[in-house]
C-alpha atoms as a PDB file:
ATOM      1  CA  MET A   1     -59.536 -46.017  -8.643  1.00  0.00           C
ATOM      2  CA  GLN A   2     -61.801 -48.665 -10.135  1.00  0.00           C
ATOM      3  CA  THR A   3     -59.584 -51.483  -8.813  1.00  0.00           C
ATOM      4  CA  THR A   4     -59.582 -49.984  -5.311  1.00  0.00           C
ATOM      5  CA  GLN A   5     -63.370 -49.751  -5.388  1.00  0.00           C
ATOM      6  CA  ALA A   6     -63.613 -53.349  -6.563  1.00  0.00           C
ATOM      7  CA  LEU A   7     -61.387 -54.494  -3.689  1.00  0.00           C
ATOM      8  CA  ASN A   8     -63.401 -52.504  -1.174  1.00  0.00           C
ATOM      9  CA  SER A   9     -66.715 -53.821  -2.441  1.00  0.00           C
ATOM     10  CA  LYS A  10     -65.638 -57.473  -2.213  1.00  0.00           C
ATOM     11  CA  SER A  11     -63.977 -59.357   0.554  1.00  0.00           C
ATOM     12  CA  ILE A  12     -60.705 -60.987  -0.405  1.00  0.00           C
ATOM     13  CA  ASN A  13     -60.850 -64.743  -0.238  1.00  0.00           C
ATOM     14  CA  MET A  14     -57.647 -65.237   1.768  1.00  0.00           C
ATOM     15  CA  PRO A  15     -57.568 -69.056   1.546  1.00  0.00           C
ATOM     16  CA  ALA A  16     -57.884 -68.869  -2.260  1.00  0.00           C
ATOM     17  CA  LEU A  17     -55.292 -66.082  -2.408  1.00  0.00           C
ATOM     18  CA  GLN A  18     -52.894 -68.103  -0.267  1.00  0.00           C
ATOM     19  CA  ALA A  19     -53.298 -71.202  -2.438  1.00  0.00           C
ATOM     20  CA  SER A  20     -52.808 -69.177  -5.615  1.00  0.00           C
ATOM     21  CA  TRP A  21     -49.780 -67.406  -4.156  1.00  0.00           C
ATOM     22  CA  LEU A  22     -48.154 -70.687  -3.071  1.00  0.00           C
ATOM     23  CA  ALA A  23     -48.639 -72.162  -6.536  1.00  0.00           C
ATOM     24  CA  PHE A  24     -47.257 -69.020  -8.170  1.00  0.00           C
ATOM     25  CA  ASP A  25     -44.393 -68.759  -5.690  1.00  0.00           C
ATOM     26  CA  ASN A  26     -43.354 -72.366  -6.342  1.00  0.00           C
ATOM     27  CA  MET A  27     -43.063 -71.557 -10.058  1.00  0.00           C
ATOM     28  CA  ALA A  28     -41.755 -67.996 -10.097  1.00  0.00           C
ATOM     29  CA  HIS A  29     -40.156 -67.363  -6.707  1.00  0.00           C
ATOM     30  CA  LEU A  30     -40.755 -63.642  -7.286  1.00  0.00           C
ATOM     31  CA  ARG A  31     -39.359 -61.544  -4.454  1.00  0.00           C
ATOM     32  CA  PRO A  32     -37.764 -58.184  -3.831  1.00  0.00           C
ATOM     33  CA  ILE A  33     -34.204 -58.357  -5.128  1.00  0.00           C
ATOM     34  CA  HIS A  34     -31.550 -58.276  -2.398  1.00  0.00           C
ATOM     35  CA  THR A  35     -28.648 -60.242  -3.893  1.00  0.00           C
ATOM     36  CA  GLU A  36     -26.962 -60.755  -7.256  1.00  0.00           C
ATOM     37  CA  ALA A  37     -28.441 -64.274  -7.342  1.00  0.00           C
ATOM     38  CA  ASP A  38     -31.937 -62.787  -6.865  1.00  0.00           C
ATOM     39  CA  TYR A  39     -31.132 -60.259  -9.586  1.00  0.00           C
ATOM     40  CA  ASP A  40     -29.919 -62.916 -12.044  1.00  0.00           C
ATOM     41  CA  ARG A  41     -33.023 -65.074 -11.443  1.00  0.00           C
ATOM     42  CA  THR A  42     -35.379 -62.120 -11.841  1.00  0.00           C
ATOM     43  CA  VAL A  43     -33.658 -60.910 -15.022  1.00  0.00           C
ATOM     44  CA  LYS A  44     -34.053 -64.417 -16.499  1.00  0.00           C
ATOM     45  CA  MET A  45     -37.749 -64.307 -15.664  1.00  0.00           C
ATOM     46  CA  MET A  46     -38.106 -60.803 -17.102  1.00  0.00           C
ATOM     47  CA  ASN A  47     -36.404 -61.875 -20.342  1.00  0.00           C
ATOM     48  CA  ALA A  48     -38.651 -64.934 -20.638  1.00  0.00           C
ATOM     49  CA  LEU A  49     -41.690 -62.722 -20.088  1.00  0.00           C
ATOM     50  CA  LEU A  50     -40.403 -60.293 -22.727  1.00  0.00           C
ATOM     51  CA  ASP A  51     -40.025 -63.169 -25.177  1.00  0.00           C
ATOM     52  CA  GLU A  52     -43.584 -64.280 -24.461  1.00  0.00           C
ATOM     53  CA  ALA A  53     -45.493 -60.994 -24.059  1.00  0.00           C
ATOM     54  CA  GLY A  54     -43.250 -58.503 -25.850  1.00  0.00           C
ATOM     55  CA  ASP A  55     -44.826 -55.069 -25.881  1.00  0.00           C
ATOM     56  CA  ASP A  56     -48.393 -56.407 -26.094  1.00  0.00           C
ATOM     57  CA  GLU A  57     -50.092 -54.582 -23.217  1.00  0.00           C
ATOM     58  CA  ASP A  58     -53.127 -56.845 -23.563  1.00  0.00           C
ATOM     59  CA  HIS A  59     -51.120 -60.047 -23.087  1.00  0.00           C
ATOM     60  CA  PRO A  60     -52.151 -61.933 -19.919  1.00  0.00           C
ATOM     61  CA  LEU A  61     -48.550 -61.751 -18.608  1.00  0.00           C
ATOM     62  CA  SER A  62     -47.991 -58.048 -19.322  1.00  0.00           C
ATOM     63  CA  SER A  63     -48.652 -56.936 -15.734  1.00  0.00           C
ATOM     64  CA  LEU A  64     -46.250 -59.594 -14.419  1.00  0.00           C
ATOM     65  CA  LEU A  65     -43.662 -58.331 -16.908  1.00  0.00           C
ATOM     66  CA  GLU A  66     -44.212 -54.782 -15.660  1.00  0.00           C
ATOM     67  CA  LEU A  67     -43.843 -55.857 -12.026  1.00  0.00           C
ATOM     68  CA  THR A  68     -40.702 -57.880 -12.752  1.00  0.00           C
ATOM     69  CA  SER A  69     -39.197 -55.027 -14.779  1.00  0.00           C
ATOM     70  CA  ASP A  70     -39.842 -52.608 -11.913  1.00  0.00           C
ATOM     71  CA  LEU A  71     -38.036 -54.916  -9.472  1.00  0.00           C
ATOM     72  CA  VAL A  72     -35.047 -55.216 -11.819  1.00  0.00           C
ATOM     73  CA  SER A  73     -34.972 -51.484 -12.497  1.00  0.00           C
ATOM     74  CA  ARG A  74     -35.017 -50.579  -8.800  1.00  0.00           C
ATOM     75  CA  TYR A  75     -32.177 -52.987  -8.048  1.00  0.00           C
ATOM     76  CA  GLU A  76     -30.119 -51.728 -10.996  1.00  0.00           C
ATOM     77  CA  GLN A  77     -30.584 -48.087 -10.011  1.00  0.00           C
ATOM     78  CA  GLU A  78     -29.352 -48.839  -6.509  1.00  0.00           C
ATOM     79  CA  HIS A  79     -26.610 -51.373  -7.231  1.00  0.00           C
ATOM     80  CA  HIS A  80     -25.550 -50.808 -10.844  1.00  0.00           C
ATOM     81  CA  PRO A  81     -26.005 -47.091 -11.544  1.00  0.00           C
ATOM     82  CA  ILE A  82     -24.956 -45.925 -14.970  1.00  0.00           C
ATOM     83  CA  GLU A  83     -22.928 -42.761 -14.879  1.00  0.00           C
ATOM     84  CA  ALA A  84     -23.733 -40.127 -17.434  1.00  0.00           C
ATOM     85  CA  ALA A  85     -21.311 -40.133 -20.344  1.00  0.00           C
ATOM     86  CA  ASP A  86     -19.266 -37.091 -21.177  1.00  0.00           C
ATOM     87  CA  PRO A  87     -21.003 -35.380 -24.139  1.00  0.00           C
ATOM     88  CA  LYS A  88     -17.951 -35.774 -26.406  1.00  0.00           C
ATOM     89  CA  ASP A  89     -17.762 -39.480 -25.560  1.00  0.00           C
ATOM     90  CA  ALA A  90     -21.470 -39.893 -26.304  1.00  0.00           C
ATOM     91  CA  LEU A  91     -20.952 -38.152 -29.647  1.00  0.00           C
ATOM     92  CA  ARG A  92     -17.930 -40.332 -30.454  1.00  0.00           C
ATOM     93  CA  PHE A  93     -19.904 -43.470 -29.535  1.00  0.00           C
ATOM     94  CA  LEU A  94     -22.845 -42.472 -31.737  1.00  0.00           C
ATOM     95  CA  MET A  95     -20.545 -41.740 -34.651  1.00  0.00           C
ATOM     96  CA  GLU A  96     -18.650 -45.033 -34.290  1.00  0.00           C
ATOM     97  CA  SER A  97     -21.754 -47.151 -33.770  1.00  0.00           C
ATOM     98  CA  ARG A  98     -23.291 -45.725 -36.949  1.00  0.00           C
ATOM     99  CA  GLY A  99     -20.091 -45.835 -38.977  1.00  0.00           C
ATOM    100  CA  LEU A 100     -19.989 -42.060 -39.412  1.00  0.00           C
ATOM    101  CA  LYS A 101     -16.947 -39.932 -40.118  1.00  0.00           C
ATOM    102  CA  GLN A 102     -16.514 -36.301 -39.146  1.00  0.00           C
ATOM    103  CA  GLU A 103     -17.393 -35.139 -42.657  1.00  0.00           C
ATOM    104  CA  ASP A 104     -20.741 -36.961 -42.370  1.00  0.00           C
ATOM    105  CA  LEU A 105     -21.759 -34.417 -39.727  1.00  0.00           C
ATOM    106  CA  SER A 106     -20.587 -31.372 -41.713  1.00  0.00           C
ATOM    107  CA  SER A 107     -24.173 -30.244 -42.306  1.00  0.00           C
ATOM    108  CA  VAL A 108     -24.661 -30.076 -38.522  1.00  0.00           C
ATOM    109  CA  VAL A 109     -21.273 -29.071 -37.107  1.00  0.00           C
ATOM    110  CA  PRO A 110     -18.363 -27.475 -38.968  1.00  0.00           C
ATOM    111  CA  GLN A 111     -15.539 -30.014 -39.139  1.00  0.00           C
ATOM    112  CA  SER A 112     -13.079 -27.781 -37.257  1.00  0.00           C
ATOM    113  CA  ASN A 113     -15.562 -27.425 -34.387  1.00  0.00           C
ATOM    114  CA  LEU A 114     -16.271 -31.151 -34.398  1.00  0.00           C
ATOM    115  CA  SER A 115     -12.555 -31.952 -34.213  1.00  0.00           C
ATOM    116  CA  ALA A 116     -12.173 -29.585 -31.256  1.00  0.00           C
ATOM    117  CA  ILE A 117     -15.203 -31.129 -29.507  1.00  0.00           C
ATOM    118  CA  LEU A 118     -13.943 -34.685 -29.961  1.00  0.00           C
ATOM    119  CA  ALA A 119     -10.496 -33.614 -28.718  1.00  0.00           C
ATOM    120  CA  GLY A 120     -12.065 -32.092 -25.599  1.00  0.00           C
ATOM    121  CA  LYS A 121     -10.967 -28.561 -26.519  1.00  0.00           C
ATOM    122  CA  ARG A 122     -14.457 -27.218 -27.129  1.00  0.00           C
ATOM    123  CA  LYS A 123     -17.820 -27.748 -25.425  1.00  0.00           C
ATOM    124  CA  ILE A 124     -21.047 -28.516 -27.243  1.00  0.00           C
ATOM    125  CA  SER A 125     -23.296 -25.458 -27.218  1.00  0.00           C
ATOM    126  CA  ALA A 126     -27.014 -25.707 -26.540  1.00  0.00           C
ATOM    127  CA  ALA A 127     -27.794 -24.879 -30.168  1.00  0.00           C
ATOM    128  CA  MET A 128     -25.328 -27.498 -31.378  1.00  0.00           C
ATOM    129  CA  ALA A 129     -26.792 -30.048 -28.930  1.00  0.00           C
ATOM    130  CA  GLY A 130     -30.204 -29.427 -30.478  1.00  0.00           C
ATOM    131  CA  LYS A 131     -28.848 -29.959 -33.986  1.00  0.00           C
ATOM    132  CA  LEU A 132     -26.968 -33.114 -32.971  1.00  0.00           C
ATOM    133  CA  GLY A 133     -30.050 -34.460 -31.204  1.00  0.00           C
ATOM    134  CA  GLY A 134     -32.090 -33.903 -34.353  1.00  0.00           C
ATOM    135  CA  PHE A 135     -29.415 -35.470 -36.551  1.00  0.00           C
ATOM    136  CA  PHE A 136     -29.155 -38.623 -34.414  1.00  0.00           C
ATOM    137  CA  GLY A 137     -32.864 -38.721 -33.515  1.00  0.00           C
ATOM    138  CA  ILE A 138     -32.204 -38.613 -29.761  1.00  0.00           C
ATOM    139  CA  SER A 139     -32.660 -36.171 -26.912  1.00  0.00           C
ATOM    140  CA  PRO A 140     -30.286 -33.192 -27.091  1.00  0.00           C
ATOM    141  CA  ALA A 141     -29.790 -33.631 -23.327  1.00  0.00           C
ATOM    142  CA  ILE A 142     -27.245 -36.367 -24.141  1.00  0.00           C
ATOM    143  CA  PHE A 143     -24.909 -33.619 -25.374  1.00  0.00           C
ATOM    144  CA  VAL A 144     -25.319 -31.314 -22.389  1.00  0.00           C
ATOM    145  CA  PRO A 145     -22.715 -31.718 -19.620  1.00  0.00           C
ATOM    146  CA  ARG A 146     -24.023 -32.736 -16.205  1.00  0.00           C
END
């Protein structure tokens, strides 16, 4: 609200804005993403901004990073959607990526149940999803079928 009030209380210096935009545009060429080439260029910029600003919200480039990330995210959602993983596949991935064996989860899921889940013969219950989410430190929703 404060920014809107500031814009309303001042006139925008269009010649200065145009000159600033042209200088910025010559360096960044920031645009809505319509093609894979646009996407690749914008991802490179986003990664460079991440390297520079990181998660420092007070960094002078943080708002440009946020804008660039939004453009990339919108394009990815439309053109590269990620399908939800089957709960058993998500569980298998988490176990493999952390080097866990079935017996390592015995305090959470009885081994016979875990074997049946991984084989696709048994579903993950809501209670079990909660326990698995707690064990892995992630949202239990990962283990709920969609």
